[in-house]
């Protein structure tokens, strides 16, 4: 196949057949003179093509388009300069607003501090350190709530159950223990015990040291106690009675002890149920008439029940818990019957 200059133009335009293009490339590879001729013709062809493209350009249309772009860029620059000036003028108000909202947030945290709620599991006694370094012993099945940070002139906690308080002395900031719907116990620095279980018909405050004020819920009638005295609120009559009491008997629980002095079976059953996290059932009317005096420290529940059996005509049966459908276990049941 003979390759001519016409083939070179067709090759540059991409119109040659595969066979002709292969023959042209083979000749260019073997002939330096032919390669130079291709280069010269390519230069002239490219210049001609560029000239054709320039003639196709619509200069008026492109100039109008460019003018619009220049006008837009000029407007954007002016807008940026204006925005920057406005932003500078707003910096001071923005700083003032930021400080205001920050202070407002802080004030809200101060006015409404986060509340902490702690519950002592059945069978356990918990020891808690309050924000003012006062100490609380929380008896089994009891719950206390208090703010993460006490406010000025106000140290307030809420109690459900039983707790022993060792209040850090602060003559300027009163310490209040509130039993919702019951009464409030107030002090400035002392030690006292409060019993307020939901299922009990009484709320009791017992003073170990110093002085406390006891006030019935939503009244102004205040009772001031001395060491060794107790104030009992009857939930039914809504009356408060003050009398002397054995402080050790009522506060030994925080040392893991159960102390009874001529205690009836109902009182014993309640304390054993909370201490060992069990359900106790009394079968027999005369059981409620028995009284016991004893001190239990490290004895197990079976050991205590055995001692009760030796001191009265009763029999105690322990029923081990069964697994529930949700794979949890119910409490152990203790059945106490009269024995004749």
C-alpha atoms as a PDB file:
ATOM      1  CA  UNK A   1       0.000   0.000   0.000  1.00  0.00           C
ATOM      2  CA  UNK A   2       1.368   3.349  -1.094  1.00  0.00           C
ATOM      3  CA  UNK A   3       1.225   6.096   1.598  1.00  0.00           C
ATOM      4  CA  UNK A   4       0.909   9.725   0.388  1.00  0.00           C
ATOM      5  CA  UNK A   5       0.509  13.168   2.034  1.00  0.00           C
ATOM      6  CA  UNK A   6      -3.271  12.819   1.724  1.00  0.00           C
ATOM      7  CA  UNK A   7      -3.010   9.838   4.032  1.00  0.00           C
ATOM      8  CA  UNK A   8      -1.200  12.040   6.597  1.00  0.00           C
ATOM      9  CA  UNK A   9      -4.087  14.602   6.652  1.00  0.00           C
ATOM     10  CA  UNK A  10      -6.637  11.789   6.972  1.00  0.00           C
ATOM     11  CA  UNK A  11      -4.566  10.269   9.795  1.00  0.00           C
ATOM     12  CA  UNK A  12      -4.566  13.592  11.703  1.00  0.00           C
ATOM     13  CA  UNK A  13      -8.346  13.880  11.188  1.00  0.00           C
ATOM     14  CA  UNK A  14      -8.811  10.277  12.377  1.00  0.00           C
ATOM     15  CA  UNK A  15     -10.530   9.095   9.191  1.00  0.00           C
ATOM     16  CA  UNK A  16      -8.038   6.425   8.053  1.00  0.00           C
ATOM     17  CA  UNK A  17      -8.952   2.758   8.183  1.00  0.00           C
ATOM     18  CA  UNK A  18      -7.141   0.508  10.656  1.00  0.00           C
ATOM     19  CA  UNK A  19      -5.053  -1.051   7.872  1.00  0.00           C
ATOM     20  CA  UNK A  20      -4.034   2.342   6.411  1.00  0.00           C
ATOM     21  CA  UNK A  21      -3.226   3.795   9.848  1.00  0.00           C
ATOM     22  CA  UNK A  22      -1.073   0.727  10.673  1.00  0.00           C
ATOM     23  CA  UNK A  23       0.807   1.054   7.366  1.00  0.00           C
ATOM     24  CA  UNK A  24       1.387   4.805   7.957  1.00  0.00           C
ATOM     25  CA  UNK A  25       2.711   4.226  11.490  1.00  0.00           C
ATOM     26  CA  UNK A  26       5.029   1.444  10.248  1.00  0.00           C
ATOM     27  CA  UNK A  27       6.457   3.736   7.522  1.00  0.00           C
ATOM     28  CA  UNK A  28       6.955   6.579  10.047  1.00  0.00           C
ATOM     29  CA  UNK A  29       8.766   4.187  12.355  1.00  0.00           C
ATOM     30  CA  UNK A  30      11.196   3.076   9.592  1.00  0.00           C
ATOM     31  CA  UNK A  31      11.681   6.390   7.721  1.00  0.00           C
ATOM     32  CA  UNK A  32      13.099   9.506   9.442  1.00  0.00           C
ATOM     33  CA  UNK A  33      12.264  11.596   6.370  1.00  0.00           C
ATOM     34  CA  UNK A  34       8.621  10.510   6.503  1.00  0.00           C
ATOM     35  CA  UNK A  35       8.449  11.265  10.259  1.00  0.00           C
ATOM     36  CA  UNK A  36       9.698  14.836   9.564  1.00  0.00           C
ATOM     37  CA  UNK A  37       7.119  15.240   6.823  1.00  0.00           C
ATOM     38  CA  UNK A  38       4.355  14.159   9.267  1.00  0.00           C
ATOM     39  CA  UNK A  39       5.620  16.690  11.825  1.00  0.00           C
ATOM     40  CA  UNK A  40       5.603  19.579   9.302  1.00  0.00           C
ATOM     41  CA  UNK A  41       2.152  18.746   8.003  1.00  0.00           C
ATOM     42  CA  UNK A  42       0.848  18.372  11.618  1.00  0.00           C
ATOM     43  CA  UNK A  43       2.054  21.874  12.506  1.00  0.00           C
ATOM     44  CA  UNK A  44       0.304  23.422   9.498  1.00  0.00           C
ATOM     45  CA  UNK A  45      -2.870  21.363  10.181  1.00  0.00           C
ATOM     46  CA  UNK A  46      -3.033  22.424  13.859  1.00  0.00           C
ATOM     47  CA  UNK A  47      -2.620  26.105  12.970  1.00  0.00           C
ATOM     48  CA  UNK A  48      -5.385  25.833  10.405  1.00  0.00           C
ATOM     49  CA  UNK A  49      -7.727  24.155  12.899  1.00  0.00           C
ATOM     50  CA  UNK A  50      -7.105  26.854  15.544  1.00  0.00           C
ATOM     51  CA  UNK A  51      -7.855  29.549  13.010  1.00  0.00           C
ATOM     52  CA  UNK A  52     -11.120  27.846  12.135  1.00  0.00           C
ATOM     53  CA  UNK A  53     -12.107  27.716  15.820  1.00  0.00           C
ATOM     54  CA  UNK A  54     -11.278  31.401  16.355  1.00  0.00           C
ATOM     55  CA  UNK A  55     -13.505  32.366  13.469  1.00  0.00           C
ATOM     56  CA  UNK A  56     -16.373  30.472  15.128  1.00  0.00           C
ATOM     57  CA  UNK A  57     -16.068  32.474  18.379  1.00  0.00           C
ATOM     58  CA  UNK A  58     -18.919  35.003  19.086  1.00  0.00           C
ATOM     59  CA  UNK A  59     -16.945  37.832  20.663  1.00  0.00           C
ATOM     60  CA  UNK A  60     -19.980  39.984  21.501  1.00  0.00           C
ATOM     61  CA  UNK A  61     -21.706  37.205  23.389  1.00  0.00           C
ATOM     62  CA  UNK A  62     -18.576  36.283  25.344  1.00  0.00           C
ATOM     63  CA  UNK A  63     -17.887  39.932  26.219  1.00  0.00           C
ATOM     64  CA  UNK A  64     -21.416  40.349  27.589  1.00  0.00           C
ATOM     65  CA  UNK A  65     -21.013  37.224  29.684  1.00  0.00           C
ATOM     66  CA  UNK A  66     -17.653  38.418  31.015  1.00  0.00           C
ATOM     67  CA  UNK A  67     -19.124  41.836  31.874  1.00  0.00           C
ATOM     68  CA  UNK A  68     -21.811  40.157  33.983  1.00  0.00           C
ATOM     69  CA  UNK A  69     -19.165  38.153  35.847  1.00  0.00           C
ATOM     70  CA  UNK A  70     -17.125  41.307  36.549  1.00  0.00           C
ATOM     71  CA  UNK A  71     -20.243  43.115  37.860  1.00  0.00           C
ATOM     72  CA  UNK A  72     -21.139  40.151  40.117  1.00  0.00           C
ATOM     73  CA  UNK A  73     -17.624  39.964  41.557  1.00  0.00           C
ATOM     74  CA  UNK A  74     -17.672  43.698  42.242  1.00  0.00           C
ATOM     75  CA  UNK A  75     -21.058  43.427  44.040  1.00  0.00           C
ATOM     76  CA  UNK A  76     -19.847  40.445  46.121  1.00  0.00           C
ATOM     77  CA  UNK A  77     -16.773  42.394  47.234  1.00  0.00           C
ATOM     78  CA  UNK A  78     -18.920  45.359  48.318  1.00  0.00           C
ATOM     79  CA  UNK A  79     -21.304  43.009  50.170  1.00  0.00           C
ATOM     80  CA  UNK A  80     -18.377  41.372  51.968  1.00  0.00           C
ATOM     81  CA  UNK A  81     -17.007  44.768  53.045  1.00  0.00           C
ATOM     82  CA  UNK A  82     -20.458  45.766  54.376  1.00  0.00           C
ATOM     83  CA  UNK A  83     -20.908  42.459  56.236  1.00  0.00           C
ATOM     84  CA  UNK A  84     -17.493  42.782  57.809  1.00  0.00           C
ATOM     85  CA  UNK A  85     -18.365  46.281  59.058  1.00  0.00           C
ATOM     86  CA  UNK A  86     -21.706  45.095  60.509  1.00  0.00           C
ATOM     87  CA  UNK A  87     -20.034  42.105  62.154  1.00  0.00           C
ATOM     88  CA  UNK A  88     -17.535  44.405  63.824  1.00  0.00           C
ATOM     89  CA  UNK A  89     -20.381  46.547  65.164  1.00  0.00           C
ATOM     90  CA  UNK A  90     -22.162  43.445  66.524  1.00  0.00           C
ATOM     91  CA  UNK A  91     -19.159  42.001  68.363  1.00  0.00           C
ATOM     92  CA  UNK A  92     -19.785  43.953  71.582  1.00  0.00           C
ATOM     93  CA  UNK A  93     -23.535  43.120  71.790  1.00  0.00           C
ATOM     94  CA  UNK A  94     -22.730  39.497  71.020  1.00  0.00           C
ATOM     95  CA  UNK A  95     -20.201  39.359  73.830  1.00  0.00           C
ATOM     96  CA  UNK A  96     -22.726  40.928  76.193  1.00  0.00           C
ATOM     97  CA  UNK A  97     -25.409  38.397  75.207  1.00  0.00           C
ATOM     98  CA  UNK A  98     -22.988  35.492  75.574  1.00  0.00           C
ATOM     99  CA  UNK A  99     -21.988  36.587  79.061  1.00  0.00           C
ATOM    100  CA  UNK A 100     -25.651  37.057  79.958  1.00  0.00           C
ATOM    101  CA  UNK A 101     -26.695  33.579  78.872  1.00  0.00           C
ATOM    102  CA  UNK A 102     -23.662  32.024  80.512  1.00  0.00           C
ATOM    103  CA  UNK A 103     -24.516  33.748  83.753  1.00  0.00           C
ATOM    104  CA  UNK A 104     -28.158  32.776  83.303  1.00  0.00           C
ATOM    105  CA  UNK A 105     -27.119  29.136  82.854  1.00  0.00           C
ATOM    106  CA  UNK A 106     -24.951  29.280  85.930  1.00  0.00           C
ATOM    107  CA  UNK A 107     -27.747  30.884  87.923  1.00  0.00           C
ATOM    108  CA  UNK A 108     -30.113  28.105  86.852  1.00  0.00           C
ATOM    109  CA  UNK A 109     -27.579  25.502  87.990  1.00  0.00           C
ATOM    110  CA  UNK A 110     -27.366  27.304  91.306  1.00  0.00           C
ATOM    111  CA  UNK A 111     -31.142  27.664  91.680  1.00  0.00           C
ATOM    112  CA  UNK A 112     -31.903  24.130  90.496  1.00  0.00           C
ATOM    113  CA  UNK A 113     -28.906  21.924  91.303  1.00  0.00           C
ATOM    114  CA  UNK A 114     -28.825  18.326  90.169  1.00  0.00           C
ATOM    115  CA  UNK A 115     -30.552  15.956  92.576  1.00  0.00           C
ATOM    116  CA  UNK A 116     -28.889  12.758  93.737  1.00  0.00           C
ATOM    117  CA  UNK A 117     -30.954   9.794  94.924  1.00  0.00           C
ATOM    118  CA  UNK A 118     -29.437   6.856  96.787  1.00  0.00           C
ATOM    119  CA  UNK A 119     -31.300   3.736  97.882  1.00  0.00           C
ATOM    120  CA  UNK A 120     -29.897   1.172 100.272  1.00  0.00           C
ATOM    121  CA  UNK A 121     -30.716  -2.355  99.165  1.00  0.00           C
ATOM    122  CA  UNK A 122     -32.722  -4.612 101.417  1.00  0.00           C
ATOM    123  CA  UNK A 123     -30.427  -6.331 103.884  1.00  0.00           C
ATOM    124  CA  UNK A 124     -27.695  -3.691 103.616  1.00  0.00           C
ATOM    125  CA  UNK A 125     -26.659  -0.526 105.463  1.00  0.00           C
ATOM    126  CA  UNK A 126     -25.088   2.243 103.348  1.00  0.00           C
ATOM    127  CA  UNK A 127     -22.813   5.053 104.511  1.00  0.00           C
ATOM    128  CA  UNK A 128     -23.046   8.338 102.584  1.00  0.00           C
ATOM    129  CA  UNK A 129     -20.985  11.536 102.628  1.00  0.00           C
ATOM    130  CA  UNK A 130     -23.113  14.609 101.866  1.00  0.00           C
ATOM    131  CA  UNK A 131     -21.858  17.760 100.039  1.00  0.00           C
ATOM    132  CA  UNK A 132     -21.299  19.598 103.348  1.00  0.00           C
ATOM    133  CA  UNK A 133     -19.292  16.637 104.774  1.00  0.00           C
ATOM    134  CA  UNK A 134     -22.183  15.504 106.967  1.00  0.00           C
ATOM    135  CA  UNK A 135     -22.409  11.704 107.249  1.00  0.00           C
ATOM    136  CA  UNK A 136     -25.527   9.574 106.812  1.00  0.00           C
ATOM    137  CA  UNK A 137     -26.046   5.893 107.581  1.00  0.00           C
ATOM    138  CA  UNK A 138     -28.923   4.639 105.432  1.00  0.00           C
ATOM    139  CA  UNK A 139     -30.742   1.570 106.739  1.00  0.00           C
ATOM    140  CA  UNK A 140     -31.947  -1.349 104.610  1.00  0.00           C
ATOM    141  CA  UNK A 141     -34.678  -0.545 102.090  1.00  0.00           C
ATOM    142  CA  UNK A 142     -34.331   3.218 102.648  1.00  0.00           C
ATOM    143  CA  UNK A 143     -33.965   6.080 100.171  1.00  0.00           C
ATOM    144  CA  UNK A 144     -32.466   9.553 100.470  1.00  0.00           C
ATOM    145  CA  UNK A 145     -32.292  12.391  97.947  1.00  0.00           C
ATOM    146  CA  UNK A 146     -30.263  15.619  98.108  1.00  0.00           C
ATOM    147  CA  UNK A 147     -28.734  18.218  95.747  1.00  0.00           C
ATOM    148  CA  UNK A 148     -25.244  17.682  94.408  1.00  0.00           C
ATOM    149  CA  UNK A 149     -24.397  21.052  95.949  1.00  0.00           C
ATOM    150  CA  UNK A 150     -26.189  22.624  98.898  1.00  0.00           C
ATOM    151  CA  UNK A 151     -27.436  26.164  98.361  1.00  0.00           C
ATOM    152  CA  UNK A 152     -26.517  29.005 100.705  1.00  0.00           C
ATOM    153  CA  UNK A 153     -28.520  28.988 103.940  1.00  0.00           C
ATOM    154  CA  UNK A 154     -30.187  25.732 102.946  1.00  0.00           C
ATOM    155  CA  UNK A 155     -29.023  22.160 103.531  1.00  0.00           C
ATOM    156  CA  UNK A 156     -32.024  19.995 102.734  1.00  0.00           C
ATOM    157  CA  UNK A 157     -32.406  16.235 102.214  1.00  0.00           C
ATOM    158  CA  UNK A 158     -35.490  14.089 101.696  1.00  0.00           C
ATOM    159  CA  UNK A 159     -35.847  10.690 103.413  1.00  0.00           C
ATOM    160  CA  UNK A 160     -37.966   7.608 102.947  1.00  0.00           C
ATOM    161  CA  UNK A 161     -37.081   4.808 105.365  1.00  0.00           C
ATOM    162  CA  UNK A 162     -34.556   5.096 108.174  1.00  0.00           C
ATOM    163  CA  UNK A 163     -31.289   7.017 108.499  1.00  0.00           C
ATOM    164  CA  UNK A 164     -28.855   8.158 111.146  1.00  0.00           C
ATOM    165  CA  UNK A 165     -27.454  11.654 110.593  1.00  0.00           C
ATOM    166  CA  UNK A 166     -24.170  13.054 111.858  1.00  0.00           C
ATOM    167  CA  UNK A 167     -24.564  16.680 110.806  1.00  0.00           C
ATOM    168  CA  UNK A 168     -21.520  18.885 110.370  1.00  0.00           C
ATOM    169  CA  UNK A 169     -21.821  21.976 112.575  1.00  0.00           C
ATOM    170  CA  UNK A 170     -22.725  25.174 110.703  1.00  0.00           C
ATOM    171  CA  UNK A 171     -24.448  27.842 112.776  1.00  0.00           C
ATOM    172  CA  UNK A 172     -25.414  29.888 109.715  1.00  0.00           C
ATOM    173  CA  UNK A 173     -26.868  27.146 107.521  1.00  0.00           C
ATOM    174  CA  UNK A 174     -29.608  24.962 108.929  1.00  0.00           C
ATOM    175  CA  UNK A 175     -29.798  21.261 108.058  1.00  0.00           C
ATOM    176  CA  UNK A 176     -33.307  19.937 107.286  1.00  0.00           C
ATOM    177  CA  UNK A 177     -34.460  16.351 106.914  1.00  0.00           C
ATOM    178  CA  UNK A 178     -37.833  16.310 105.184  1.00  0.00           C
ATOM    179  CA  UNK A 179     -40.167  13.322 105.370  1.00  0.00           C
ATOM    180  CA  UNK A 180     -42.648  14.123 102.559  1.00  0.00           C
ATOM    181  CA  UNK A 181     -46.166  14.461 103.928  1.00  0.00           C
ATOM    182  CA  UNK A 182     -44.900  13.834 107.453  1.00  0.00           C
ATOM    183  CA  UNK A 183     -42.551  16.126 109.300  1.00  0.00           C
ATOM    184  CA  UNK A 184     -39.286  18.053 109.104  1.00  0.00           C
ATOM    185  CA  UNK A 185     -36.324  17.576 111.442  1.00  0.00           C
ATOM    186  CA  UNK A 186     -33.969  20.592 111.665  1.00  0.00           C
ATOM    187  CA  UNK A 187     -30.525  21.041 113.221  1.00  0.00           C
ATOM    188  CA  UNK A 188     -27.327  23.051 112.888  1.00  0.00           C
ATOM    189  CA  UNK A 189     -24.871  20.351 113.930  1.00  0.00           C
ATOM    190  CA  UNK A 190     -25.728  17.207 115.886  1.00  0.00           C
ATOM    191  CA  UNK A 191     -26.562  13.485 115.655  1.00  0.00           C
ATOM    192  CA  UNK A 192     -30.036  12.022 115.363  1.00  0.00           C
ATOM    193  CA  UNK A 193     -32.035   9.133 113.904  1.00  0.00           C
ATOM    194  CA  UNK A 194     -35.148   9.383 111.737  1.00  0.00           C
ATOM    195  CA  UNK A 195     -37.456   6.437 110.995  1.00  0.00           C
ATOM    196  CA  UNK A 196     -40.050   6.974 108.257  1.00  0.00           C
ATOM    197  CA  UNK A 197     -40.891   3.752 106.419  1.00  0.00           C
ATOM    198  CA  UNK A 198     -43.892   4.049 104.108  1.00  0.00           C
ATOM    199  CA  UNK A 199     -45.543   0.907 105.489  1.00  0.00           C
ATOM    200  CA  UNK A 200     -45.239   2.079 109.133  1.00  0.00           C
ATOM    201  CA  UNK A 201     -47.974   4.063 110.858  1.00  0.00           C
ATOM    202  CA  UNK A 202     -45.465   6.294 112.628  1.00  0.00           C
ATOM    203  CA  UNK A 203     -42.588   8.614 111.912  1.00  0.00           C
ATOM    204  CA  UNK A 204     -39.992   8.947 114.644  1.00  0.00           C
ATOM    205  CA  UNK A 205     -37.049  11.267 115.303  1.00  0.00           C
ATOM    206  CA  UNK A 206     -34.594  10.331 118.080  1.00  0.00           C
ATOM    207  CA  UNK A 207     -31.882  12.703 119.292  1.00  0.00           C
ATOM    208  CA  UNK A 208     -28.464  11.344 120.258  1.00  0.00           C
ATOM    209  CA  UNK A 209     -26.572  14.598 120.855  1.00  0.00           C
ATOM    210  CA  UNK A 210     -27.234  18.338 120.888  1.00  0.00           C
ATOM    211  CA  UNK A 211     -30.650  19.708 119.888  1.00  0.00           C
ATOM    212  CA  UNK A 212     -33.106  19.306 117.057  1.00  0.00           C
ATOM    213  CA  UNK A 213     -36.408  20.910 116.100  1.00  0.00           C
ATOM    214  CA  UNK A 214     -39.268  18.737 114.893  1.00  0.00           C
ATOM    215  CA  UNK A 215     -42.136  20.281 112.933  1.00  0.00           C
ATOM    216  CA  UNK A 216     -45.225  18.603 111.587  1.00  0.00           C
ATOM    217  CA  UNK A 217     -45.806  18.941 107.831  1.00  0.00           C
ATOM    218  CA  UNK A 218     -47.494  22.250 106.862  1.00  0.00           C
ATOM    219  CA  UNK A 219     -47.671  23.587 110.428  1.00  0.00           C
ATOM    220  CA  UNK A 220     -45.698  26.077 112.517  1.00  0.00           C
ATOM    221  CA  UNK A 221     -45.862  24.015 115.714  1.00  0.00           C
ATOM    222  CA  UNK A 222     -42.221  23.183 116.595  1.00  0.00           C
ATOM    223  CA  UNK A 223     -41.030  20.628 119.171  1.00  0.00           C
ATOM    224  CA  UNK A 224     -37.462  21.045 120.451  1.00  0.00           C
ATOM    225  CA  UNK A 225     -35.844  17.801 121.595  1.00  0.00           C
ATOM    226  CA  UNK A 226     -33.033  17.194 124.047  1.00  0.00           C
ATOM    227  CA  UNK A 227     -30.576  14.305 123.910  1.00  0.00           C
ATOM    228  CA  UNK A 228     -32.307  11.018 124.751  1.00  0.00           C
ATOM    229  CA  UNK A 229     -35.748  12.152 123.607  1.00  0.00           C
ATOM    230  CA  UNK A 230     -37.886  11.013 120.694  1.00  0.00           C
ATOM    231  CA  UNK A 231     -40.698  12.676 118.772  1.00  0.00           C
ATOM    232  CA  UNK A 232     -43.280  10.336 117.228  1.00  0.00           C
ATOM    233  CA  UNK A 233     -45.809  11.418 114.621  1.00  0.00           C
ATOM    234  CA  UNK A 234     -48.874   9.188 114.395  1.00  0.00           C
ATOM    235  CA  UNK A 235     -49.901   9.123 110.732  1.00  0.00           C
ATOM    236  CA  UNK A 236     -53.513   8.437 111.608  1.00  0.00           C
ATOM    237  CA  UNK A 237     -54.123  11.110 114.240  1.00  0.00           C
ATOM    238  CA  UNK A 238     -51.491  13.510 112.835  1.00  0.00           C
ATOM    239  CA  UNK A 239     -50.364  14.202 116.398  1.00  0.00           C
ATOM    240  CA  UNK A 240     -46.759  14.383 117.676  1.00  0.00           C
ATOM    241  CA  UNK A 241     -45.788  13.019 121.078  1.00  0.00           C
ATOM    242  CA  UNK A 242     -42.425  13.592 122.783  1.00  0.00           C
ATOM    243  CA  UNK A 243     -40.927  11.193 125.337  1.00  0.00           C
ATOM    244  CA  UNK A 244     -37.644   9.791 126.629  1.00  0.00           C
ATOM    245  CA  UNK A 245     -36.277   6.707 124.896  1.00  0.00           C
ATOM    246  CA  UNK A 246     -33.357   4.269 124.770  1.00  0.00           C
ATOM    247  CA  UNK A 247     -31.211   5.762 122.023  1.00  0.00           C
ATOM    248  CA  UNK A 248     -28.922   2.739 121.739  1.00  0.00           C
ATOM    249  CA  UNK A 249     -31.818   0.351 121.065  1.00  0.00           C
ATOM    250  CA  UNK A 250     -33.002   2.470 118.138  1.00  0.00           C
ATOM    251  CA  UNK A 251     -29.609   3.341 116.617  1.00  0.00           C
ATOM    252  CA  UNK A 252     -27.543   0.155 117.004  1.00  0.00           C
ATOM    253  CA  UNK A 253     -28.642  -0.918 113.509  1.00  0.00           C
ATOM    254  CA  UNK A 254     -25.967   1.302 111.929  1.00  0.00           C
ATOM    255  CA  UNK A 255     -23.363  -0.957 113.575  1.00  0.00           C
ATOM    256  CA  UNK A 256     -25.040  -4.044 112.137  1.00  0.00           C
ATOM    257  CA  UNK A 257     -26.830  -4.917 115.368  1.00  0.00           C
ATOM    258  CA  UNK A 258     -30.486  -5.593 116.185  1.00  0.00           C
ATOM    259  CA  UNK A 259     -31.402  -4.707 119.746  1.00  0.00           C
ATOM    260  CA  UNK A 260     -34.795  -5.554 121.270  1.00  0.00           C
ATOM    261  CA  UNK A 261     -36.010  -4.543 124.736  1.00  0.00           C
ATOM    262  CA  UNK A 262     -39.431  -5.993 125.531  1.00  0.00           C
ATOM    263  CA  UNK A 263     -40.234  -5.756 121.852  1.00  0.00           C
ATOM    264  CA  UNK A 264     -43.429  -7.225 120.465  1.00  0.00           C
ATOM    265  CA  UNK A 265     -43.456  -9.798 117.676  1.00  0.00           C
ATOM    266  CA  UNK A 266     -44.703  -7.256 115.128  1.00  0.00           C
ATOM    267  CA  UNK A 267     -41.668  -5.026 115.702  1.00  0.00           C
ATOM    268  CA  UNK A 268     -39.296  -8.005 115.607  1.00  0.00           C
ATOM    269  CA  UNK A 269     -40.796  -9.263 112.354  1.00  0.00           C
ATOM    270  CA  UNK A 270     -40.398  -5.859 110.660  1.00  0.00           C
ATOM    271  CA  UNK A 271     -36.731  -5.528 111.631  1.00  0.00           C
ATOM    272  CA  UNK A 272     -35.882  -9.119 110.698  1.00  0.00           C
ATOM    273  CA  UNK A 273     -37.646  -8.707 107.328  1.00  0.00           C
ATOM    274  CA  UNK A 274     -35.645  -5.584 106.447  1.00  0.00           C
ATOM    275  CA  UNK A 275     -32.355  -6.830 107.841  1.00  0.00           C
ATOM    276  CA  UNK A 276     -32.420 -10.192 106.031  1.00  0.00           C
ATOM    277  CA  UNK A 277     -34.627  -9.195 103.062  1.00  0.00           C
ATOM    278  CA  UNK A 278     -37.242 -11.897 103.702  1.00  0.00           C
ATOM    279  CA  UNK A 279     -41.029 -12.144 104.019  1.00  0.00           C
ATOM    280  CA  UNK A 280     -42.261 -13.251 107.429  1.00  0.00           C
ATOM    281  CA  UNK A 281     -45.810 -14.455 108.074  1.00  0.00           C
ATOM    282  CA  UNK A 282     -47.333 -14.852 111.536  1.00  0.00           C
ATOM    283  CA  UNK A 283     -49.950 -17.585 111.899  1.00  0.00           C
ATOM    284  CA  UNK A 284     -51.690 -17.409 115.276  1.00  0.00           C
ATOM    285  CA  UNK A 285     -53.362 -14.665 117.275  1.00  0.00           C
ATOM    286  CA  UNK A 286     -51.316 -15.095 120.462  1.00  0.00           C
ATOM    287  CA  UNK A 287     -48.046 -14.471 118.608  1.00  0.00           C
ATOM    288  CA  UNK A 288     -48.769 -10.748 118.722  1.00  0.00           C
ATOM    289  CA  UNK A 289     -48.747 -10.886 122.531  1.00  0.00           C
ATOM    290  CA  UNK A 290     -45.179 -12.194 122.930  1.00  0.00           C
ATOM    291  CA  UNK A 291     -42.353  -9.828 123.931  1.00  0.00           C
ATOM    292  CA  UNK A 292     -38.605 -10.368 123.579  1.00  0.00           C
ATOM    293  CA  UNK A 293     -35.397  -8.788 124.858  1.00  0.00           C
ATOM    294  CA  UNK A 294     -32.292  -9.688 122.894  1.00  0.00           C
ATOM    295  CA  UNK A 295     -29.268  -8.334 121.040  1.00  0.00           C
ATOM    296  CA  UNK A 296     -28.260  -9.902 117.738  1.00  0.00           C
ATOM    297  CA  UNK A 297     -24.942  -9.057 116.093  1.00  0.00           C
ATOM    298  CA  UNK A 298     -23.501 -11.664 113.722  1.00  0.00           C
ATOM    299  CA  UNK A 299     -26.182 -14.345 114.030  1.00  0.00           C
ATOM    300  CA  UNK A 300     -27.694 -15.763 110.869  1.00  0.00           C
ATOM    301  CA  UNK A 301     -31.445 -15.827 110.290  1.00  0.00           C
ATOM    302  CA  UNK A 302     -31.763 -19.584 111.047  1.00  0.00           C
ATOM    303  CA  UNK A 303     -29.818 -19.050 114.283  1.00  0.00           C
ATOM    304  CA  UNK A 304     -32.127 -16.199 115.351  1.00  0.00           C
ATOM    305  CA  UNK A 305     -35.232 -18.240 114.529  1.00  0.00           C
ATOM    306  CA  UNK A 306     -33.857 -21.144 116.549  1.00  0.00           C
ATOM    307  CA  UNK A 307     -33.349 -18.849 119.556  1.00  0.00           C
ATOM    308  CA  UNK A 308     -36.908 -17.556 119.224  1.00  0.00           C
ATOM    309  CA  UNK A 309     -38.226 -21.117 119.169  1.00  0.00           C
ATOM    310  CA  UNK A 310     -36.387 -21.898 122.419  1.00  0.00           C
ATOM    311  CA  UNK A 311     -37.879 -18.906 124.224  1.00  0.00           C
ATOM    312  CA  UNK A 312     -41.536 -19.310 123.188  1.00  0.00           C
ATOM    313  CA  UNK A 313     -43.952 -22.038 122.001  1.00  0.00           C
ATOM    314  CA  UNK A 314     -43.501 -21.355 118.300  1.00  0.00           C
ATOM    315  CA  UNK A 315     -42.219 -23.166 115.218  1.00  0.00           C
ATOM    316  CA  UNK A 316     -40.460 -21.438 112.307  1.00  0.00           C
ATOM    317  CA  UNK A 317     -40.487 -22.752 108.738  1.00  0.00           C
ATOM    318  CA  UNK A 318     -38.124 -21.426 106.042  1.00  0.00           C
ATOM    319  CA  UNK A 319     -39.421 -21.711 102.476  1.00  0.00           C
ATOM    320  CA  UNK A 320     -36.694 -21.264  99.893  1.00  0.00           C
ATOM    321  CA  UNK A 321     -37.565 -19.084  96.880  1.00  0.00           C
ATOM    322  CA  UNK A 322     -38.487 -20.535  93.504  1.00  0.00           C
ATOM    323  CA  UNK A 323     -37.402 -19.225  90.136  1.00  0.00           C
ATOM    324  CA  UNK A 324     -39.966 -16.979  88.453  1.00  0.00           C
ATOM    325  CA  UNK A 325     -40.896 -17.046  84.773  1.00  0.00           C
ATOM    326  CA  UNK A 326     -38.510 -14.127  84.118  1.00  0.00           C
ATOM    327  CA  UNK A 327     -35.636 -16.079  85.767  1.00  0.00           C
ATOM    328  CA  UNK A 328     -35.658 -13.925  88.915  1.00  0.00           C
ATOM    329  CA  UNK A 329     -36.147 -15.252  92.425  1.00  0.00           C
ATOM    330  CA  UNK A 330     -38.774 -14.240  94.953  1.00  0.00           C
ATOM    331  CA  UNK A 331     -37.825 -13.495  98.557  1.00  0.00           C
ATOM    332  CA  UNK A 332     -37.458 -16.289 101.067  1.00  0.00           C
ATOM    333  CA  UNK A 333     -40.583 -16.801 103.150  1.00  0.00           C
ATOM    334  CA  UNK A 334     -40.589 -17.468 106.860  1.00  0.00           C
ATOM    335  CA  UNK A 335     -43.747 -18.863 108.430  1.00  0.00           C
ATOM    336  CA  UNK A 336     -44.002 -18.622 112.233  1.00  0.00           C
ATOM    337  CA  UNK A 337     -46.770 -20.639 113.891  1.00  0.00           C
ATOM    338  CA  UNK A 338     -47.970 -21.245 117.394  1.00  0.00           C
ATOM    339  CA  UNK A 339     -46.863 -24.590 118.774  1.00  0.00           C
ATOM    340  CA  UNK A 340     -49.088 -26.387 121.267  1.00  0.00           C
END
